[in-house]
Amino acid sequence: MTDETAHPAHVDQTRAHPARIYDYILGGHDNYEVDHNAARQVLSVWPQARTAARVNRAFMRRATHWLAAEAGIDQFLDIGTGIPTEPNLHQVAQDVNPAARVVYTDNDPLVLRYAEALMTSTPQGRTAYLHADVTAPHTILEAAELRSTLDLDRPVALSCNALFHFIPDRDAPHDIMETLLKPLAPGSFLALSHGTTDFDPEQIGHVQDIYHRQGIPLTARPKGSIEPFFAGLDLVAPGLVAPHRWKPDGDPPADAEAAALDAEVSQYAAVARKV
């Protein structure tokens, strides 16, 4: 564990943070009054936000299980980890392959304080936590924590769930993704979920306004602006779809039910392979 992890950074309780808002919406307790207020505003205009958060977490679990069980991936880089919520990604991956290795990354000092919960690896595997910002991708790729845990000459699954919609266009999010993917070996994968305006633009527009008033640059994007994150990759069936439509457990919901859930969730998700 790094010295920074041993001596957590100060948590600013005067400004809301998306990881803590998400934690509140999921029913967690690792958040502050400023996050409660922001989350309640979101829920007032988007009461389905809790459903959306749960669906997103379920996609993470299914995608990670598929990557470990079906694609044989045993290395994971999870960026935008958020506050630990069981099952965490390493628990899903190591349930399939106890030797799986996982590096978690987030920029919220509160997540840093809970890093120990993210590092309860199996004896055969390994987990590490890196306090870093995705808008400076080289600080992630060149970090000692990553290099000592993952072998980038072998395939890695890059997991970016509900992250890139917090990177505004001015920060060139597609370029950031290209930088992250470039050093990964062929046979690596990207798993991504991303908020969208496609299904209910008015409602999601109100949500964006709430985040913007908190100083958080939420940018929900149409499908055509999410697809470039997968440029040069081969999408795994069923492609870029609403997250509950990606390899659902059991029988898929009826068309009408799935369409209604599309609007409630207002996200797209996909897994794609680097060739």
Protein backbone atom coordinates (compact mmCIF):
# COMPACT_ATOMS: atom_id res chain seq x y z
CA MET A 1 0.00 0.00 0.00
CA THR A 2 1.35 3.44 -0.84
CA ASP A 3 2.13 6.10 1.76
CA GLU A 4 -0.78 8.08 0.36
CA THR A 5 -3.13 5.21 1.12
CA ALA A 6 -1.71 4.91 4.62
CA HIS A 7 -2.29 8.63 5.22
CA PRO A 8 -5.57 9.47 3.45
CA ALA A 9 -6.00 12.83 1.81
CA HIS A 10 -8.43 15.38 3.19
CA VAL A 11 -12.03 14.87 2.11
CA ASP A 12 -13.75 18.10 1.08
CA GLN A 13 -17.19 17.94 2.69
CA THR A 14 -18.29 21.25 1.18
CA ARG A 15 -18.57 19.96 -2.41
CA ALA A 16 -20.55 17.02 -3.71
CA HIS A 17 -18.65 14.23 -5.44
CA PRO A 18 -20.18 11.87 -8.03
CA ALA A 19 -18.87 8.73 -6.26
CA ARG A 20 -20.55 9.79 -3.02
CA ILE A 21 -23.79 10.83 -4.74
CA TYR A 22 -23.83 7.40 -6.40
CA ASP A 23 -23.18 5.74 -3.03
CA TYR A 24 -26.16 7.59 -1.52
CA ILE A 25 -28.41 6.61 -4.42
CA LEU A 26 -27.35 2.97 -3.98
CA GLY A 27 -28.30 3.19 -0.31
CA GLY A 28 -24.76 3.50 1.05
CA HIS A 29 -23.66 5.52 4.06
CA ASP A 30 -20.25 6.78 2.98
CA ASN A 31 -21.34 10.26 1.97
CA TYR A 32 -21.99 13.70 3.43
CA GLU A 33 -24.84 16.18 3.68
CA VAL A 34 -23.72 17.98 0.55
CA ASP A 35 -23.96 14.67 -1.33
CA HIS A 36 -27.37 13.91 0.24
CA ASN A 37 -28.70 17.25 -1.00
CA ALA A 38 -27.43 16.70 -4.53
CA ALA A 39 -28.74 13.13 -4.62
CA ARG A 40 -32.18 14.18 -3.37
CA GLN A 41 -32.37 16.79 -6.11
CA VAL A 42 -31.49 14.12 -8.67
CA LEU A 43 -34.13 11.77 -7.27
CA SER A 44 -36.73 14.54 -7.35
CA VAL A 45 -36.41 14.83 -11.15
CA TRP A 46 -35.27 11.26 -11.85
CA PRO A 47 -36.90 8.95 -9.30
CA GLN A 48 -35.67 5.97 -11.30
CA ALA A 49 -32.03 6.86 -10.50
CA ARG A 50 -31.86 4.06 -7.93
CA THR A 51 -33.00 1.58 -10.58
CA ALA A 52 -30.40 2.96 -12.98
CA ALA A 53 -27.64 2.58 -10.38
CA ARG A 54 -28.63 -0.99 -9.59
CA VAL A 55 -28.82 -1.90 -13.29
CA ASN A 56 -25.37 -0.42 -13.85
CA ARG A 57 -23.92 -2.43 -10.95
CA ALA A 58 -25.57 -5.57 -12.33
CA PHE A 59 -23.94 -4.93 -15.72
CA MET A 60 -20.54 -4.65 -14.02
CA ARG A 61 -21.07 -7.99 -12.34
CA ARG A 62 -22.24 -9.77 -15.52
CA ALA A 63 -19.51 -8.23 -17.68
CA THR A 64 -16.78 -9.10 -15.18
CA HIS A 65 -18.05 -12.65 -14.83
CA TRP A 66 -18.21 -13.05 -18.61
CA LEU A 67 -14.70 -11.64 -19.03
CA ALA A 68 -13.28 -14.01 -16.42
CA ALA A 69 -15.33 -17.11 -17.25
CA GLU A 70 -15.84 -16.88 -21.01
CA ALA A 71 -12.97 -14.71 -22.24
CA GLY A 72 -10.40 -16.09 -19.79
CA ILE A 73 -9.27 -12.66 -18.58
CA ASP A 74 -7.40 -12.75 -15.28
CA GLN A 75 -6.23 -9.10 -15.12
CA PHE A 76 -8.53 -6.12 -14.58
CA LEU A 77 -8.00 -2.35 -14.44
CA ASP A 78 -11.06 -0.69 -12.92
CA ILE A 79 -11.05 3.10 -13.30
CA GLY A 80 -13.63 5.18 -11.46
CA THR A 81 -14.03 2.50 -8.83
CA GLY A 82 -16.26 4.42 -6.45
CA ILE A 83 -16.95 3.60 -2.83
CA PRO A 84 -16.75 -0.17 -2.16
CA THR A 85 -20.10 -1.90 -2.70
CA GLU A 86 -20.16 -5.67 -2.48
CA PRO A 87 -19.70 -7.62 -4.53
CA ASN A 88 -16.74 -5.57 -5.74
CA LEU A 89 -15.18 -6.31 -9.10
CA HIS A 90 -12.30 -8.37 -7.66
CA GLN A 91 -14.77 -10.55 -5.76
CA VAL A 92 -16.66 -11.34 -8.96
CA ALA A 93 -13.47 -12.03 -10.93
CA GLN A 94 -11.80 -14.07 -8.20
CA ASP A 95 -14.93 -16.11 -7.67
CA VAL A 96 -14.32 -17.39 -11.22
CA ASN A 97 -10.51 -17.39 -11.07
CA PRO A 98 -8.94 -17.04 -7.62
CA ALA A 99 -5.66 -15.99 -9.26
CA ALA A 100 -7.20 -12.91 -10.91
CA ARG A 101 -5.43 -9.59 -10.36
CA VAL A 102 -7.20 -6.24 -10.10
CA VAL A 103 -6.03 -2.63 -9.92
CA TYR A 104 -8.62 -0.12 -8.73
CA THR A 105 -8.34 3.61 -9.49
CA ASP A 106 -10.34 6.60 -8.28
CA ASN A 107 -9.73 10.28 -7.50
CA ASP A 108 -12.05 10.67 -4.49
CA PRO A 109 -10.11 10.81 -1.20
CA LEU A 110 -13.02 9.04 0.51
CA VAL A 111 -12.54 6.03 -1.77
CA LEU A 112 -8.87 6.15 -0.78
CA ARG A 113 -9.91 5.82 2.87
CA TYR A 114 -11.75 2.60 2.06
CA ALA A 115 -9.00 1.14 -0.10
CA GLU A 116 -8.42 -1.68 2.37
CA ALA A 117 -11.89 -3.03 1.54
CA LEU A 118 -10.86 -3.17 -2.11
CA MET A 119 -7.69 -5.11 -1.36
CA THR A 120 -9.07 -8.21 0.35
CA SER A 121 -7.74 -10.49 -2.35
CA THR A 122 -7.66 -14.24 -2.42
CA PRO A 123 -4.23 -15.69 -1.52
CA GLN A 124 -3.73 -16.74 -5.14
CA GLY A 125 -4.63 -13.35 -6.64
CA ARG A 126 -3.76 -9.75 -5.93
CA THR A 127 -5.49 -6.37 -5.73
CA ALA A 128 -4.04 -2.87 -5.57
CA TYR A 129 -5.46 0.62 -5.23
CA LEU A 130 -4.20 3.70 -7.06
CA HIS A 131 -5.33 7.22 -6.19
CA ALA A 132 -5.28 8.96 -9.58
CA ASP A 133 -7.37 10.96 -12.04
CA VAL A 134 -8.42 9.46 -15.36
CA THR A 135 -7.98 12.85 -17.08
CA ALA A 136 -4.24 12.29 -16.58
CA PRO A 137 -4.15 8.74 -17.98
CA HIS A 138 -0.35 8.47 -18.02
CA THR A 139 -0.31 8.77 -14.23
CA ILE A 140 -2.36 5.56 -14.16
CA LEU A 141 -0.48 3.67 -16.84
CA GLU A 142 2.96 4.53 -15.43
CA ALA A 143 2.09 4.00 -11.76
CA ALA A 144 4.14 1.52 -9.78
CA GLU A 145 0.96 0.03 -8.29
CA LEU A 146 -0.27 -0.90 -11.75
CA ARG A 147 3.05 -2.10 -13.13
CA SER A 148 3.74 -4.32 -10.12
CA THR A 149 0.26 -5.89 -10.23
CA LEU A 150 -0.64 -6.25 -13.91
CA ASP A 151 1.40 -7.55 -16.85
CA LEU A 152 0.49 -5.29 -19.77
CA ASP A 153 2.10 -7.73 -22.18
CA ARG A 154 -0.87 -10.01 -21.45
CA PRO A 155 -4.58 -9.21 -21.99
CA VAL A 156 -6.22 -6.87 -19.49
CA ALA A 157 -9.88 -5.93 -19.08
CA LEU A 158 -10.28 -2.16 -18.73
CA SER A 159 -13.47 -1.45 -16.79
CA CYS A 160 -14.92 2.08 -16.99
CA ASN A 161 -18.43 1.95 -15.60
CA ALA A 162 -20.43 5.18 -15.26
CA LEU A 163 -17.19 7.15 -15.56
CA PHE A 164 -16.73 8.82 -18.92
CA HIS A 165 -19.94 10.82 -18.74
CA PHE A 166 -18.14 12.81 -16.04
CA ILE A 167 -15.41 13.81 -18.50
CA PRO A 168 -16.52 16.86 -20.51
CA ASP A 169 -15.79 17.24 -24.21
CA ARG A 170 -13.21 19.94 -23.46
CA ASP A 171 -11.05 17.25 -21.80
CA ALA A 172 -11.09 15.08 -24.94
CA PRO A 173 -12.59 11.91 -23.43
CA HIS A 174 -12.16 9.85 -26.59
CA ASP A 175 -8.46 10.70 -26.66
CA ILE A 176 -8.19 9.64 -23.00
CA MET A 177 -9.73 6.30 -23.85
CA GLU A 178 -7.37 5.85 -26.79
CA THR A 179 -4.41 6.55 -24.47
CA LEU A 180 -5.64 4.00 -21.93
CA LEU A 181 -6.17 1.29 -24.53
CA LYS A 182 -2.98 1.83 -26.53
CA PRO A 183 -0.53 -0.03 -24.22
CA LEU A 184 -2.89 -2.95 -23.58
CA ALA A 185 -2.04 -6.22 -25.31
CA PRO A 186 -4.13 -7.62 -28.16
CA GLY A 187 -6.92 -9.73 -26.70
CA SER A 188 -7.61 -7.10 -24.04
CA PHE A 189 -11.16 -5.85 -23.48
CA LEU A 190 -13.00 -2.66 -22.67
CA ALA A 191 -16.17 -2.79 -20.55
CA LEU A 192 -17.96 0.55 -20.42
CA SER A 193 -21.30 1.98 -19.37
CA HIS A 194 -22.26 5.57 -20.11
CA GLY A 195 -25.25 7.83 -19.48
CA THR A 196 -27.29 8.90 -22.50
CA THR A 197 -29.83 11.49 -23.54
CA ASP A 198 -31.36 9.18 -26.16
CA PHE A 199 -34.24 7.70 -24.18
CA ASP A 200 -35.49 10.66 -22.10
CA PRO A 201 -33.62 13.84 -23.06
CA GLU A 202 -35.76 16.21 -20.97
CA GLN A 203 -35.37 14.24 -17.75
CA ILE A 204 -31.65 13.64 -18.20
CA GLY A 205 -31.23 17.30 -19.11
CA HIS A 206 -32.61 18.23 -15.68
CA VAL A 207 -30.20 15.76 -14.05
CA GLN A 208 -27.26 17.30 -15.90
CA ASP A 209 -28.31 20.76 -14.70
CA ILE A 210 -28.29 19.55 -11.07
CA TYR A 211 -24.79 18.11 -11.42
CA HIS A 212 -23.55 21.23 -13.16
CA ARG A 213 -24.80 23.39 -10.28
CA GLN A 214 -22.65 21.21 -8.01
CA GLY A 215 -19.63 21.88 -10.20
CA ILE A 216 -19.72 18.33 -11.62
CA PRO A 217 -19.43 18.19 -15.45
CA LEU A 218 -21.96 15.45 -16.21
CA THR A 219 -22.21 14.95 -19.98
CA ALA A 220 -24.76 12.34 -21.00
CA ARG A 221 -24.19 11.56 -24.66
CA PRO A 222 -26.17 10.15 -27.58
CA LYS A 223 -25.23 6.72 -28.88
CA GLY A 224 -23.29 8.22 -31.78
CA SER A 225 -20.96 9.97 -29.33
CA ILE A 226 -20.47 6.86 -27.17
CA GLU A 227 -19.59 4.54 -30.06
CA PRO A 228 -16.17 6.22 -30.66
CA PHE A 229 -14.98 4.99 -27.25
CA PHE A 230 -14.90 1.56 -28.91
CA ALA A 231 -13.06 2.70 -32.06
CA GLY A 232 -10.89 -0.08 -33.46
CA LEU A 233 -12.36 -2.69 -31.10
CA ASP A 234 -14.62 -5.64 -31.85
CA LEU A 235 -17.90 -5.35 -29.95
CA VAL A 236 -19.05 -8.48 -28.15
CA ALA A 237 -22.67 -9.45 -28.95
CA PRO A 238 -25.18 -7.91 -28.42
CA GLY A 239 -23.10 -4.74 -28.99
CA LEU A 240 -23.78 -1.30 -27.54
CA VAL A 241 -27.15 -1.59 -25.82
CA ALA A 242 -28.95 -0.51 -22.67
CA PRO A 243 -27.12 -2.31 -19.82
CA HIS A 244 -30.02 -4.58 -18.86
CA ARG A 245 -30.02 -5.86 -22.45
CA TRP A 246 -26.36 -6.96 -22.29
CA LYS A 247 -26.36 -10.74 -21.74
CA PRO A 248 -29.12 -10.66 -19.10
CA ASP A 249 -29.33 -13.40 -16.50
CA GLY A 250 -32.18 -15.77 -17.30
CA ASP A 251 -34.77 -14.96 -19.92
CA PRO A 252 -34.58 -11.44 -21.38
CA PRO A 253 -37.46 -9.14 -20.43
CA ALA A 254 -40.36 -8.71 -22.84
CA ASP A 255 -39.90 -5.96 -25.41
CA ALA A 256 -42.33 -3.56 -23.74
CA GLU A 257 -40.76 -4.10 -20.32
CA ALA A 258 -37.24 -3.65 -21.70
CA ALA A 259 -38.24 -0.49 -23.58
CA ALA A 260 -39.72 1.02 -20.42
CA LEU A 261 -36.54 0.15 -18.54
CA ASP A 262 -34.43 1.79 -21.28
CA ALA A 263 -35.98 5.17 -20.39
CA GLU A 264 -35.60 4.58 -16.65
CA VAL A 265 -31.95 3.62 -16.89
CA SER A 266 -30.85 6.04 -19.67
CA GLN A 267 -27.50 4.34 -20.24
CA TYR A 268 -25.66 2.34 -22.85
CA ALA A 269 -23.17 -0.42 -22.11
CA ALA A 270 -20.91 -2.74 -24.05
CA VAL A 271 -17.87 -5.00 -23.91
CA ALA A 272 -15.39 -4.97 -26.79
CA ARG A 273 -12.15 -6.78 -27.65
CA LYS A 274 -8.89 -5.24 -28.79
CA VAL A 275 -7.61 -7.07 -31.87
